[in-house]
Structure formats: structure tokens, C-alpha cells
Amino acid sequence: MFEDKVVIVTGGASGIGAAIARQFADEGAHVVVASIKMGESVESESDVFIETDVRDESQVKKMVDETLKKFGKVDIVVNSAGANHQNQRDVTSFSLEEYRNIMDTNMTGTFLLTKHALPHLLKTKGSIINIASQLGLVPEPNLGVYSASKAAVIMFTKAMAVRYAADGVRINCVCPGPIGTHFLRKDFSVAKIPVGRLGTPEEVANIVFFLASDKCSYVTGAAYTVDGASSLARPRG
């Protein structure tokens, strides 16, 4: 389905990003993994690793330029790089540095790659999928900064989807819930999930894959939850 498509996946060295990168590579895409460090996903000849800190505009631009130099185009962008949210505590104990790291990784990184990839996606009538979170839809009292950063990603997705719909670029986001990766808090209880288990990175990748496909040609500006209905359950925490 994605034979010879060029896909950029930020945060593609581990967890959800790695699962997304692998799925596209398995379907014949050329995958550029943009991450601070190399990880598990760079396995095939279709994969290219480009060291990238998504908080740094010069690095993001360089990564896009290198992608174009190697493949000549960009078809799909997945903004999957994300800041860790395990540390729950009151906002009054947050440092400005911690705040900026979360906001810059989650929102600024998404903005920067969107900014630099869009001119090329307009040529290919491409697609952007942003990885947000269920916590961008349902607030967590002691994760206010993280929730705000992911809510910003969701609203940015919707605004950009409206702006570029007539140009043929579709922009959607996925909002994972409790997924079995290193990001999940060690004390998270599966009892809080109505389906009774954690999700897998591959289950998130399946939705990303679907949204990027031609089967979703009429879908843009959507925010898909992949959370086993946990965002609807009470109590939370």
C-alpha cells in the first residue's frame, strides 16, 4: 500500500514511534527515523536514521533537507516524539526548564516539522499524523503541563487540517491511552482500563497506518483515541 512512499517518523527509535516506523517499512515505504538516538526501528535497507532533536529548528530543517536529498520527496509525516510524563506532581513544584522541555518536545517539535515539511507535502498531496494523548482530551490533575501540551497538539492538528484541506493535505492525530511502553507509569493499574489490559505500540501504529492510507481520503482534522475506553472511565489517576 505504501510502496515507495517516503515517511518521516520522529521519535521513531523506540516505543510507539518504532512500531509505526516498522509497519510502514514492512509495507514498502522508505522510512526516515528522526530521533535523538538510534534505537530498535532502524533494521531494514528502507530505513534511514537521522539524529534529530525536534526542539531545534536547525536540526529539523536539516533532517527534512537530507530526506529530500536522498529520496526527492516527502509523502507522510508522523510527529511521534514526546516528552516523558511519568512524574506526577503539583504544578507549583515544576521548574521552568521542565515546563519548557515538555512543551517544546510535544508541541514545538510538532510545529517545527509541520512548518518545514508542509511545502513538500503540498507537492505530494501528503498526510500528517500527530501523536497526541488521551490526556489532551481528559485532564489529569497532576499532569497539567503534559495535558496542556497534548491539548495544544490536538488543536494545532484541527486548525492545520482546516487550513490545508483544500490543498489536498490531510492532517489528523491519534490520542493513545495506557500503552505498554517505558513511558507508562510504573504504578498504573490495569484495573482502570475497561478492556482490562494495556494497549500495544502496534495497536497505535495500526491507526496511524490507516489514517495515512487512501482508505481515509475523507478524514482530516480527526482525533482518534486508542485507549481501551480508559478516558471515559472514573476514577482516574
C-alpha atoms as a PDB file:
ATOM      1  CA  MET A   1       0.000   0.000   0.000  1.00  0.00           C
ATOM      2  CA  PHE A   2       2.890   2.371   0.717  1.00  0.00           C
ATOM      3  CA  GLU A   3       5.377   1.142  -1.860  1.00  0.00           C
ATOM      4  CA  ASP A   4       7.992   3.860  -2.491  1.00  0.00           C
ATOM      5  CA  LYS A   5       6.257   6.359  -0.209  1.00  0.00           C
ATOM      6  CA  VAL A   6       8.640   8.464   1.883  1.00  0.00           C
ATOM      7  CA  VAL A   7       7.692   8.622   5.551  1.00  0.00           C
ATOM      8  CA  ILE A   8       9.307  10.683   8.313  1.00  0.00           C
ATOM      9  CA  VAL A   9       8.718   9.404  11.848  1.00  0.00           C
ATOM     10  CA  THR A  10      10.021  11.489  14.747  1.00  0.00           C
ATOM     11  CA  GLY A  11      10.678   9.605  17.943  1.00  0.00           C
ATOM     12  CA  GLY A  12      10.901   6.520  15.770  1.00  0.00           C
ATOM     13  CA  ALA A  13      13.731   4.857  17.679  1.00  0.00           C
ATOM     14  CA  SER A  14      11.593   3.190  20.353  1.00  0.00           C
ATOM     15  CA  GLY A  15       8.093   2.516  21.631  1.00  0.00           C
ATOM     16  CA  ILE A  16       5.134   3.737  19.580  1.00  0.00           C
ATOM     17  CA  GLY A  17       7.357   5.533  17.073  1.00  0.00           C
ATOM     18  CA  ALA A  18       9.362   2.389  16.392  1.00  0.00           C
ATOM     19  CA  ALA A  19       6.196   0.355  15.847  1.00  0.00           C
ATOM     20  CA  ILE A  20       4.953   2.982  13.380  1.00  0.00           C
ATOM     21  CA  ALA A  21       8.266   3.028  11.517  1.00  0.00           C
ATOM     22  CA  ARG A  22       8.357  -0.775  11.264  1.00  0.00           C
ATOM     23  CA  GLN A  23       4.828  -1.006   9.925  1.00  0.00           C
ATOM     24  CA  PHE A  24       5.489   1.494   7.148  1.00  0.00           C
ATOM     25  CA  ALA A  25       8.779  -0.206   6.265  1.00  0.00           C
ATOM     26  CA  ASP A  26       7.023  -3.586   6.112  1.00  0.00           C
ATOM     27  CA  GLU A  27       4.660  -2.134   3.515  1.00  0.00           C
ATOM     28  CA  GLY A  28       7.453  -0.949   1.236  1.00  0.00           C
ATOM     29  CA  ALA A  29       7.846   2.654   2.391  1.00  0.00           C
ATOM     30  CA  HIS A  30      11.163   4.450   2.729  1.00  0.00           C
ATOM     31  CA  VAL A  31      11.225   5.403   6.404  1.00  0.00           C
ATOM     32  CA  VAL A  32      13.290   8.217   7.874  1.00  0.00           C
ATOM     33  CA  VAL A  33      13.605   7.764  11.623  1.00  0.00           C
ATOM     34  CA  ALA A  34      14.303  11.143  13.214  1.00  0.00           C
ATOM     35  CA  SER A  35      15.339  10.722  16.821  1.00  0.00           C
ATOM     36  CA  ILE A  36      17.878  11.931  19.365  1.00  0.00           C
ATOM     37  CA  LYS A  37      19.370   8.438  19.442  1.00  0.00           C
ATOM     38  CA  MET A  38      19.304   5.348  17.262  1.00  0.00           C
ATOM     39  CA  GLY A  39      17.048   2.579  18.507  1.00  0.00           C
ATOM     40  CA  GLU A  40      15.242  -0.585  17.596  1.00  0.00           C
ATOM     41  CA  SER A  41      13.428   0.523  14.441  1.00  0.00           C
ATOM     42  CA  VAL A  42      16.349   1.017  12.050  1.00  0.00           C
ATOM     43  CA  GLU A  43      16.502  -2.537  10.762  1.00  0.00           C
ATOM     44  CA  SER A  44      15.955  -2.611   7.004  1.00  0.00           C
ATOM     45  CA  GLU A  45      17.521  -1.047   3.953  1.00  0.00           C
ATOM     46  CA  SER A  46      14.385   1.088   3.617  1.00  0.00           C
ATOM     47  CA  ASP A  47      15.117   2.801   6.933  1.00  0.00           C
ATOM     48  CA  VAL A  48      17.353   5.823   7.369  1.00  0.00           C
ATOM     49  CA  PHE A  49      18.292   7.204  10.768  1.00  0.00           C
ATOM     50  CA  ILE A  50      18.890  10.956  11.076  1.00  0.00           C
ATOM     51  CA  GLU A  51      19.858  12.218  14.507  1.00  0.00           C
ATOM     52  CA  THR A  52      17.392  14.994  15.275  1.00  0.00           C
ATOM     53  CA  ASP A  53      16.360  16.984  18.318  1.00  0.00           C
ATOM     54  CA  VAL A  54      12.856  18.110  17.355  1.00  0.00           C
ATOM     55  CA  ARG A  55      13.151  21.097  19.693  1.00  0.00           C
ATOM     56  CA  ASP A  56      15.898  22.554  17.493  1.00  0.00           C
ATOM     57  CA  GLU A  57      14.671  24.196  14.292  1.00  0.00           C
ATOM     58  CA  SER A  58      18.021  23.959  12.524  1.00  0.00           C
ATOM     59  CA  GLN A  59      18.149  20.197  13.139  1.00  0.00           C
ATOM     60  CA  VAL A  60      14.572  19.688  11.968  1.00  0.00           C
ATOM     61  CA  LYS A  61      15.196  21.655   8.774  1.00  0.00           C
ATOM     62  CA  LYS A  62      18.436  19.750   8.141  1.00  0.00           C
ATOM     63  CA  MET A  63      16.624  16.421   8.590  1.00  0.00           C
ATOM     64  CA  VAL A  64      13.944  17.400   6.060  1.00  0.00           C
ATOM     65  CA  ASP A  65      16.613  18.604   3.630  1.00  0.00           C
ATOM     66  CA  GLU A  66      18.530  15.326   3.981  1.00  0.00           C
ATOM     67  CA  THR A  67      15.330  13.380   3.373  1.00  0.00           C
ATOM     68  CA  LEU A  68      14.699  15.321   0.180  1.00  0.00           C
ATOM     69  CA  LYS A  69      18.301  14.892  -0.946  1.00  0.00           C
ATOM     70  CA  LYS A  70      18.084  11.112  -0.541  1.00  0.00           C
ATOM     71  CA  PHE A  71      14.506  10.426  -1.688  1.00  0.00           C
ATOM     72  CA  GLY A  72      13.393  13.559  -3.549  1.00  0.00           C
ATOM     73  CA  LYS A  73      10.066  13.944  -1.776  1.00  0.00           C
ATOM     74  CA  VAL A  74       8.063  13.570   1.428  1.00  0.00           C
ATOM     75  CA  ASP A  75       4.680  11.812   1.440  1.00  0.00           C
ATOM     76  CA  ILE A  76       3.847  11.235   5.108  1.00  0.00           C
ATOM     77  CA  VAL A  77       4.968  12.808   8.367  1.00  0.00           C
ATOM     78  CA  VAL A  78       4.349  11.263  11.781  1.00  0.00           C
ATOM     79  CA  ASN A  79       5.110  13.526  14.740  1.00  0.00           C
ATOM     80  CA  SER A  80       5.661  10.895  17.419  1.00  0.00           C
ATOM     81  CA  ALA A  81       8.466  12.380  19.512  1.00  0.00           C
ATOM     82  CA  GLY A  82       7.203  13.020  23.024  1.00  0.00           C
ATOM     83  CA  ALA A  83       8.352  14.068  26.476  1.00  0.00           C
ATOM     84  CA  ASN A  84       8.116  11.711  29.427  1.00  0.00           C
ATOM     85  CA  HIS A  85       5.059  12.206  31.656  1.00  0.00           C
ATOM     86  CA  GLN A  86       5.729   9.704  34.449  1.00  0.00           C
ATOM     87  CA  ASN A  87       6.490  12.312  37.082  1.00  0.00           C
ATOM     88  CA  GLN A  88       3.121  13.315  38.538  1.00  0.00           C
ATOM     89  CA  ARG A  89       3.160  16.255  40.895  1.00  0.00           C
ATOM     90  CA  ASP A  90       1.627  19.652  41.504  1.00  0.00           C
ATOM     91  CA  VAL A  91       2.464  22.388  39.014  1.00  0.00           C
ATOM     92  CA  THR A  92       3.871  24.581  41.814  1.00  0.00           C
ATOM     93  CA  SER A  93       6.863  22.237  42.069  1.00  0.00           C
ATOM     94  CA  PHE A  94       7.615  22.342  38.333  1.00  0.00           C
ATOM     95  CA  SER A  95      10.698  24.201  37.168  1.00  0.00           C
ATOM     96  CA  LEU A  96      10.556  26.411  34.106  1.00  0.00           C
ATOM     97  CA  GLU A  97      13.136  24.123  32.470  1.00  0.00           C
ATOM     98  CA  GLU A  98      10.875  21.080  32.966  1.00  0.00           C
ATOM     99  CA  TYR A  99       7.900  23.004  31.608  1.00  0.00           C
ATOM    100  CA  ARG A 100       9.798  24.111  28.524  1.00  0.00           C
ATOM    101  CA  ASN A 101      11.119  20.617  27.838  1.00  0.00           C
ATOM    102  CA  ILE A 102       7.608  19.125  27.826  1.00  0.00           C
ATOM    103  CA  MET A 103       6.079  21.919  25.762  1.00  0.00           C
ATOM    104  CA  ASP A 104       8.996  22.074  23.323  1.00  0.00           C
ATOM    105  CA  THR A 105       9.190  18.324  22.736  1.00  0.00           C
ATOM    106  CA  ASN A 106       5.460  17.785  22.365  1.00  0.00           C
ATOM    107  CA  MET A 107       4.204  20.979  20.748  1.00  0.00           C
ATOM    108  CA  THR A 108       7.180  22.908  19.406  1.00  0.00           C
ATOM    109  CA  GLY A 109       8.592  19.783  17.768  1.00  0.00           C
ATOM    110  CA  THR A 110       5.265  19.126  16.071  1.00  0.00           C
ATOM    111  CA  PHE A 111       5.099  22.730  14.893  1.00  0.00           C
ATOM    112  CA  LEU A 112       8.651  22.763  13.530  1.00  0.00           C
ATOM    113  CA  LEU A 113       8.369  19.611  11.427  1.00  0.00           C
ATOM    114  CA  THR A 114       4.950  20.671  10.162  1.00  0.00           C
ATOM    115  CA  LYS A 115       6.402  24.040   9.166  1.00  0.00           C
ATOM    116  CA  HIS A 116       9.329  22.578   7.235  1.00  0.00           C
ATOM    117  CA  ALA A 117       7.572  19.552   5.721  1.00  0.00           C
ATOM    118  CA  LEU A 118       4.374  21.230   4.532  1.00  0.00           C
ATOM    119  CA  PRO A 119       5.823  22.858   1.388  1.00  0.00           C
ATOM    120  CA  HIS A 120       6.857  19.387   0.222  1.00  0.00           C
ATOM    121  CA  LEU A 121       3.658  17.660   1.349  1.00  0.00           C
ATOM    122  CA  LEU A 122       1.701  20.144  -0.738  1.00  0.00           C
ATOM    123  CA  LYS A 123       3.504  18.778  -3.809  1.00  0.00           C
ATOM    124  CA  THR A 124       2.690  15.140  -2.999  1.00  0.00           C
ATOM    125  CA  LYS A 125      -0.794  15.762  -1.524  1.00  0.00           C
ATOM    126  CA  GLY A 126       0.575  14.104   1.562  1.00  0.00           C
ATOM    127  CA  SER A 127      -0.519  13.468   5.107  1.00  0.00           C
ATOM    128  CA  ILE A 128       0.491  14.379   8.652  1.00  0.00           C
ATOM    129  CA  ILE A 129      -0.382  12.285  11.687  1.00  0.00           C
ATOM    130  CA  ASN A 130       0.404  13.789  15.080  1.00  0.00           C
ATOM    131  CA  ILE A 131       0.654  11.629  18.187  1.00  0.00           C
ATOM    132  CA  ALA A 132      -1.196  13.420  20.987  1.00  0.00           C
ATOM    133  CA  SER A 133      -2.634  11.673  24.058  1.00  0.00           C
ATOM    134  CA  GLN A 134      -5.900  10.884  25.793  1.00  0.00           C
ATOM    135  CA  LEU A 135      -4.597  13.348  28.407  1.00  0.00           C
ATOM    136  CA  GLY A 136      -5.046  16.096  25.840  1.00  0.00           C
ATOM    137  CA  LEU A 137      -8.766  15.318  25.911  1.00  0.00           C
ATOM    138  CA  VAL A 138      -9.339  14.399  29.565  1.00  0.00           C
ATOM    139  CA  PRO A 139      -7.286  16.368  32.098  1.00  0.00           C
ATOM    140  CA  GLU A 140      -5.119  14.687  34.707  1.00  0.00           C
ATOM    141  CA  PRO A 141      -4.881  16.923  37.816  1.00  0.00           C
ATOM    142  CA  ASN A 142      -1.184  16.332  38.467  1.00  0.00           C
ATOM    143  CA  LEU A 143      -0.151  16.245  34.817  1.00  0.00           C
ATOM    144  CA  GLY A 144      -1.373  19.703  33.895  1.00  0.00           C
ATOM    145  CA  VAL A 145       1.631  20.728  31.801  1.00  0.00           C
ATOM    146  CA  TYR A 146       1.720  17.447  29.882  1.00  0.00           C
ATOM    147  CA  SER A 147      -2.064  17.563  29.332  1.00  0.00           C
ATOM    148  CA  ALA A 148      -1.812  21.145  28.089  1.00  0.00           C
ATOM    149  CA  SER A 149       0.970  20.260  25.649  1.00  0.00           C
ATOM    150  CA  LYS A 150      -1.041  17.410  24.154  1.00  0.00           C
ATOM    151  CA  ALA A 151      -4.230  19.510  24.016  1.00  0.00           C
ATOM    152  CA  ALA A 152      -2.201  22.034  22.042  1.00  0.00           C
ATOM    153  CA  VAL A 153      -1.176  19.297  19.588  1.00  0.00           C
ATOM    154  CA  ILE A 154      -4.822  18.331  19.102  1.00  0.00           C
ATOM    155  CA  MET A 155      -5.978  21.883  18.437  1.00  0.00           C
ATOM    156  CA  PHE A 156      -2.980  22.563  16.174  1.00  0.00           C
ATOM    157  CA  THR A 157      -3.952  19.452  14.204  1.00  0.00           C
ATOM    158  CA  LYS A 158      -7.509  20.661  13.752  1.00  0.00           C
ATOM    159  CA  ALA A 159      -6.508  24.187  12.755  1.00  0.00           C
ATOM    160  CA  MET A 160      -3.960  22.966  10.215  1.00  0.00           C
ATOM    161  CA  ALA A 161      -6.425  20.409   8.847  1.00  0.00           C
ATOM    162  CA  VAL A 162      -8.906  23.173   8.025  1.00  0.00           C
ATOM    163  CA  ARG A 163      -6.183  25.423   6.609  1.00  0.00           C
ATOM    164  CA  TYR A 164      -4.772  22.822   4.199  1.00  0.00           C
ATOM    165  CA  ALA A 165      -7.845  20.717   3.381  1.00  0.00           C
ATOM    166  CA  ALA A 166      -8.434  22.432   0.036  1.00  0.00           C
ATOM    167  CA  ASP A 167      -4.765  21.887  -0.840  1.00  0.00           C
ATOM    168  CA  GLY A 168      -5.108  18.124  -0.528  1.00  0.00           C
ATOM    169  CA  VAL A 169      -3.017  17.658   2.617  1.00  0.00           C
ATOM    170  CA  ARG A 170      -4.773  15.665   5.339  1.00  0.00           C
ATOM    171  CA  ILE A 171      -3.781  16.252   8.974  1.00  0.00           C
ATOM    172  CA  ASN A 172      -5.031  14.028  11.795  1.00  0.00           C
ATOM    173  CA  CYS A 173      -3.944  12.998  15.264  1.00  0.00           C
ATOM    174  CA  VAL A 174      -4.022   9.886  17.406  1.00  0.00           C
ATOM    175  CA  CYS A 175      -4.580  10.030  21.168  1.00  0.00           C
ATOM    176  CA  PRO A 176      -3.139   6.930  22.842  1.00  0.00           C
ATOM    177  CA  GLY A 177      -4.052   5.960  26.365  1.00  0.00           C
ATOM    178  CA  PRO A 178      -2.179   3.480  28.563  1.00  0.00           C
ATOM    179  CA  ILE A 179       0.203   1.741  26.181  1.00  0.00           C
ATOM    180  CA  GLY A 180       2.810  -0.782  27.290  1.00  0.00           C
ATOM    181  CA  THR A 181       5.966   1.287  26.753  1.00  0.00           C
ATOM    182  CA  HIS A 182       8.618   2.792  29.037  1.00  0.00           C
ATOM    183  CA  PHE A 183       6.537   5.991  29.189  1.00  0.00           C
ATOM    184  CA  LEU A 184       3.833   4.296  31.253  1.00  0.00           C
ATOM    185  CA  ARG A 185       3.991   5.000  34.976  1.00  0.00           C
ATOM    186  CA  LYS A 186       5.135   2.004  36.972  1.00  0.00           C
ATOM    187  CA  ASP A 187       2.186   2.316  39.366  1.00  0.00           C
ATOM    188  CA  PHE A 188      -0.506   2.399  36.664  1.00  0.00           C
ATOM    189  CA  SER A 189      -3.292  -0.055  37.404  1.00  0.00           C
ATOM    190  CA  VAL A 190      -4.808  -2.102  34.577  1.00  0.00           C
ATOM    191  CA  ALA A 191      -7.993  -2.182  36.658  1.00  0.00           C
ATOM    192  CA  LYS A 192      -8.610   1.380  35.464  1.00  0.00           C
ATOM    193  CA  ILE A 193      -8.915   0.222  31.845  1.00  0.00           C
ATOM    194  CA  PRO A 194     -12.396  -1.024  30.829  1.00  0.00           C
ATOM    195  CA  VAL A 195     -10.986  -3.560  28.334  1.00  0.00           C
ATOM    196  CA  GLY A 196      -8.804  -4.983  31.099  1.00  0.00           C
ATOM    197  CA  ARG A 197      -5.326  -4.684  29.570  1.00  0.00           C
ATOM    198  CA  LEU A 198      -2.690  -2.288  28.300  1.00  0.00           C
ATOM    199  CA  GLY A 199      -2.588  -1.372  24.642  1.00  0.00           C
ATOM    200  CA  THR A 200       0.398  -2.193  22.470  1.00  0.00           C
ATOM    201  CA  PRO A 201       2.509   0.140  20.332  1.00  0.00           C
ATOM    202  CA  GLU A 202       1.403  -1.886  17.307  1.00  0.00           C
ATOM    203  CA  GLU A 203      -2.243  -1.065  18.024  1.00  0.00           C
ATOM    204  CA  VAL A 204      -1.433   2.637  17.884  1.00  0.00           C
ATOM    205  CA  ALA A 205       0.596   2.074  14.715  1.00  0.00           C
ATOM    206  CA  ASN A 206      -2.430   0.390  13.115  1.00  0.00           C
ATOM    207  CA  ILE A 207      -4.490   3.585  13.452  1.00  0.00           C
ATOM    208  CA  VAL A 208      -1.646   5.755  12.162  1.00  0.00           C
ATOM    209  CA  PHE A 209      -1.259   3.421   9.200  1.00  0.00           C
ATOM    210  CA  PHE A 210      -4.993   3.594   8.488  1.00  0.00           C
ATOM    211  CA  LEU A 211      -5.103   7.396   8.706  1.00  0.00           C
ATOM    212  CA  ALA A 212      -2.184   7.699   6.294  1.00  0.00           C
ATOM    213  CA  SER A 213      -3.819   5.413   3.742  1.00  0.00           C
ATOM    214  CA  ASP A 214      -6.101   6.294   0.853  1.00  0.00           C
ATOM    215  CA  LYS A 215      -8.885   4.496   2.733  1.00  0.00           C
ATOM    216  CA  CYS A 216      -9.078   7.642   4.879  1.00  0.00           C
ATOM    217  CA  SER A 217      -9.212  10.074   1.965  1.00  0.00           C
ATOM    218  CA  TYR A 218     -12.215  11.913   3.504  1.00  0.00           C
ATOM    219  CA  VAL A 219     -10.767  12.058   7.040  1.00  0.00           C
ATOM    220  CA  THR A 220      -8.921  15.168   8.176  1.00  0.00           C
ATOM    221  CA  GLY A 221      -8.905  17.076  11.451  1.00  0.00           C
ATOM    222  CA  ALA A 222      -9.809  13.945  13.423  1.00  0.00           C
ATOM    223  CA  ALA A 223      -8.522  12.950  16.875  1.00  0.00           C
ATOM    224  CA  TYR A 224      -8.696   9.174  17.320  1.00  0.00           C
ATOM    225  CA  THR A 225      -8.476   7.732  20.842  1.00  0.00           C
ATOM    226  CA  VAL A 226      -6.677   4.402  21.238  1.00  0.00           C
ATOM    227  CA  ASP A 227      -7.157   3.818  24.953  1.00  0.00           C
ATOM    228  CA  GLY A 228      -9.440   0.865  25.683  1.00  0.00           C
ATOM    229  CA  ALA A 229     -12.113   3.377  26.810  1.00  0.00           C
ATOM    230  CA  SER A 230      -9.924   4.422  29.763  1.00  0.00           C
ATOM    231  CA  SER A 231     -10.521   8.129  29.041  1.00  0.00           C
ATOM    232  CA  LEU A 232     -14.214   7.502  29.708  1.00  0.00           C
ATOM    233  CA  ALA A 233     -13.687   5.602  32.969  1.00  0.00           C
ATOM    234  CA  ARG A 234     -13.741   7.015  36.501  1.00  0.00           C
ATOM    235  CA  PRO A 235     -11.950   7.438  38.777  1.00  0.00           C
ATOM    236  CA  ARG A 236      -8.733   8.448  37.048  1.00  0.00           C
ATOM    237  CA  GLY A 237      -5.216   8.898  38.296  1.00  0.00           C
END
